[in-house]
Amino acid sequence: MARYFKILLLVQLLIFSFNVFAGSTSVEVKKIDSTSAWHEINNNALLIDVRTVDEFNSGHIDGAINIPHNQLESRLSEVDSNKGREIILYCKSGKRAGIAGDVLVKNGYTKVFNAGGYADLRDHKAGS
């Protein structure tokens, strides 16, 4: 009888595990081109410049907030509490934006985009 219950428990555990993993979806930071990034920005996406304060002060996209990538974890309260809002990240080349994006995803944000470098984003806006 005890063996029967162990087998039944194991079967239930396997079914439960399958349902949990089948229903989960993986959220990742998505790369986004400048045209698509500007579309999202113009539709109220949150724009975060993850470069240093000095880099930000030397030039940035209007409307961006500056949270250096290495401070993001401790400054999450400055990011919109709506974890489903579109968030566009940029830095100099896209590397720090990718790192920052991973921090946001790890903390439950689901629509995180890496727009790459500041210059490309700036120049695309100027050329629009």
Protein backbone atom coordinates (compact mmCIF):
# COMPACT_ATOMS: atom_id res chain seq x y z
CA MET A 1 0.00 0.00 0.00
CA ALA A 2 2.84 2.42 0.87
CA ARG A 3 4.48 1.66 -2.47
CA TYR A 4 1.23 2.52 -4.28
CA PHE A 5 1.10 5.94 -2.59
CA LYS A 6 4.75 6.63 -3.41
CA ILE A 7 4.11 5.86 -7.07
CA LEU A 8 0.96 7.98 -7.07
CA LEU A 9 2.83 10.84 -5.42
CA LEU A 10 5.64 10.59 -7.98
CA VAL A 11 3.16 10.64 -10.88
CA GLN A 12 1.41 13.70 -9.44
CA LEU A 13 4.74 15.45 -8.96
CA LEU A 14 5.71 14.75 -12.57
CA ILE A 15 2.37 16.03 -13.87
CA PHE A 16 2.65 19.17 -11.74
CA SER A 17 6.23 19.81 -12.89
CA PHE A 18 5.26 19.39 -16.53
CA ASN A 19 2.40 21.87 -16.16
CA VAL A 20 4.61 24.45 -14.46
CA PHE A 21 7.35 24.26 -17.10
CA ALA A 22 4.92 24.06 -20.02
CA GLY A 23 3.23 27.26 -18.89
CA SER A 24 6.37 29.26 -18.27
CA THR A 25 7.76 31.57 -20.91
CA SER A 26 11.25 32.90 -21.10
CA VAL A 27 11.60 36.68 -21.07
CA GLU A 28 14.69 38.11 -22.71
CA VAL A 29 16.10 41.50 -23.55
CA LYS A 30 15.28 42.12 -27.20
CA LYS A 31 17.52 44.05 -29.57
CA ILE A 32 15.64 46.81 -31.32
CA ASP A 33 16.63 48.92 -34.32
CA SER A 34 16.55 52.71 -34.21
CA THR A 35 13.33 53.04 -36.22
CA SER A 36 11.47 50.67 -33.93
CA ALA A 37 13.04 52.26 -30.85
CA TRP A 38 11.80 55.71 -31.88
CA HIS A 39 8.35 54.28 -32.54
CA GLU A 40 8.27 52.92 -28.97
CA ILE A 41 9.72 56.14 -27.51
CA ASN A 42 7.05 58.19 -29.29
CA ASN A 43 4.43 55.82 -27.85
CA ASN A 44 5.46 56.51 -24.24
CA ALA A 45 8.14 53.87 -23.68
CA LEU A 46 10.45 54.59 -20.77
CA LEU A 47 13.87 55.59 -22.10
CA ILE A 48 16.87 54.84 -19.88
CA ASP A 49 20.43 55.93 -20.65
CA VAL A 50 22.66 53.50 -18.77
CA ARG A 51 25.93 55.35 -19.43
CA THR A 52 27.88 57.18 -16.73
CA VAL A 53 26.70 60.55 -15.43
CA ASP A 54 29.55 62.29 -17.31
CA GLU A 55 28.60 60.58 -20.57
CA PHE A 56 24.94 61.49 -20.02
CA ASN A 57 25.84 65.13 -19.29
CA SER A 58 27.88 65.33 -22.50
CA GLY A 59 24.75 64.54 -24.52
CA HIS A 60 21.66 62.38 -24.27
CA ILE A 61 18.29 61.73 -25.86
CA ASP A 62 15.62 64.17 -24.66
CA GLY A 63 13.32 62.53 -22.16
CA ALA A 64 15.82 59.86 -21.11
CA ILE A 65 16.54 59.22 -17.47
CA ASN A 66 20.10 58.38 -16.46
CA ILE A 67 20.70 55.30 -14.37
CA PRO A 68 24.22 53.95 -14.93
CA HIS A 69 24.10 50.20 -15.58
CA ASN A 70 26.16 49.40 -12.48
CA GLN A 71 23.67 51.29 -10.26
CA LEU A 72 20.47 49.92 -11.74
CA GLU A 73 19.93 47.12 -9.22
CA SER A 74 20.03 49.59 -6.31
CA ARG A 75 17.94 52.20 -8.14
CA LEU A 76 15.07 50.03 -9.38
CA SER A 77 12.63 52.27 -7.51
CA GLU A 78 13.33 54.91 -10.18
CA VAL A 79 12.09 52.58 -12.91
CA ASP A 80 8.35 52.46 -13.62
CA SER A 81 6.56 50.07 -11.27
CA ASN A 82 4.51 48.84 -14.27
CA LYS A 83 6.68 45.87 -15.17
CA GLY A 84 4.82 45.45 -18.47
CA ARG A 85 5.70 48.92 -19.77
CA GLU A 86 8.08 49.10 -22.73
CA ILE A 87 11.57 50.09 -21.61
CA ILE A 88 14.20 51.20 -24.12
CA LEU A 89 17.83 51.08 -22.96
CA TYR A 90 20.88 52.58 -24.62
CA CYS A 91 24.54 53.21 -23.81
CA LYS A 92 27.54 53.81 -26.08
CA SER A 93 27.60 50.52 -27.96
CA GLY A 94 24.80 48.35 -26.53
CA LYS A 95 26.90 46.22 -24.18
CA ARG A 96 25.96 48.03 -20.95
CA ALA A 97 22.36 48.29 -22.15
CA GLY A 98 22.33 44.50 -22.46
CA ILE A 99 23.68 44.08 -18.94
CA ALA A 100 21.10 46.54 -17.59
CA GLY A 101 18.36 44.76 -19.51
CA ASP A 102 19.27 41.48 -17.86
CA VAL A 103 18.91 43.18 -14.45
CA LEU A 104 15.43 44.43 -15.37
CA VAL A 105 14.30 41.04 -16.69
CA LYS A 106 15.63 39.35 -13.56
CA ASN A 107 13.48 41.76 -11.56
CA GLY A 108 10.29 40.97 -13.46
CA TYR A 109 10.21 43.50 -16.30
CA THR A 110 8.84 41.87 -19.44
CA LYS A 111 9.20 44.39 -22.30
CA VAL A 112 12.85 45.37 -22.24
CA PHE A 113 14.62 46.50 -25.41
CA ASN A 114 18.30 47.19 -26.12
CA ALA A 115 18.53 50.04 -28.64
CA GLY A 116 22.32 49.85 -28.81
CA GLY A 117 24.39 53.01 -28.94
CA TYR A 118 23.53 56.62 -28.23
CA ALA A 119 25.04 58.00 -31.45
CA ASP A 120 22.97 55.72 -33.70
CA LEU A 121 19.79 56.54 -31.82
CA ARG A 122 20.58 60.29 -31.83
CA ASP A 123 21.52 60.34 -35.51
CA HIS A 124 18.44 58.40 -36.52
CA LYS A 125 16.23 60.94 -34.76
CA ALA A 126 18.10 63.81 -36.42
CA GLY A 127 17.71 62.15 -39.81
CA SER A 128 13.98 61.46 -39.42
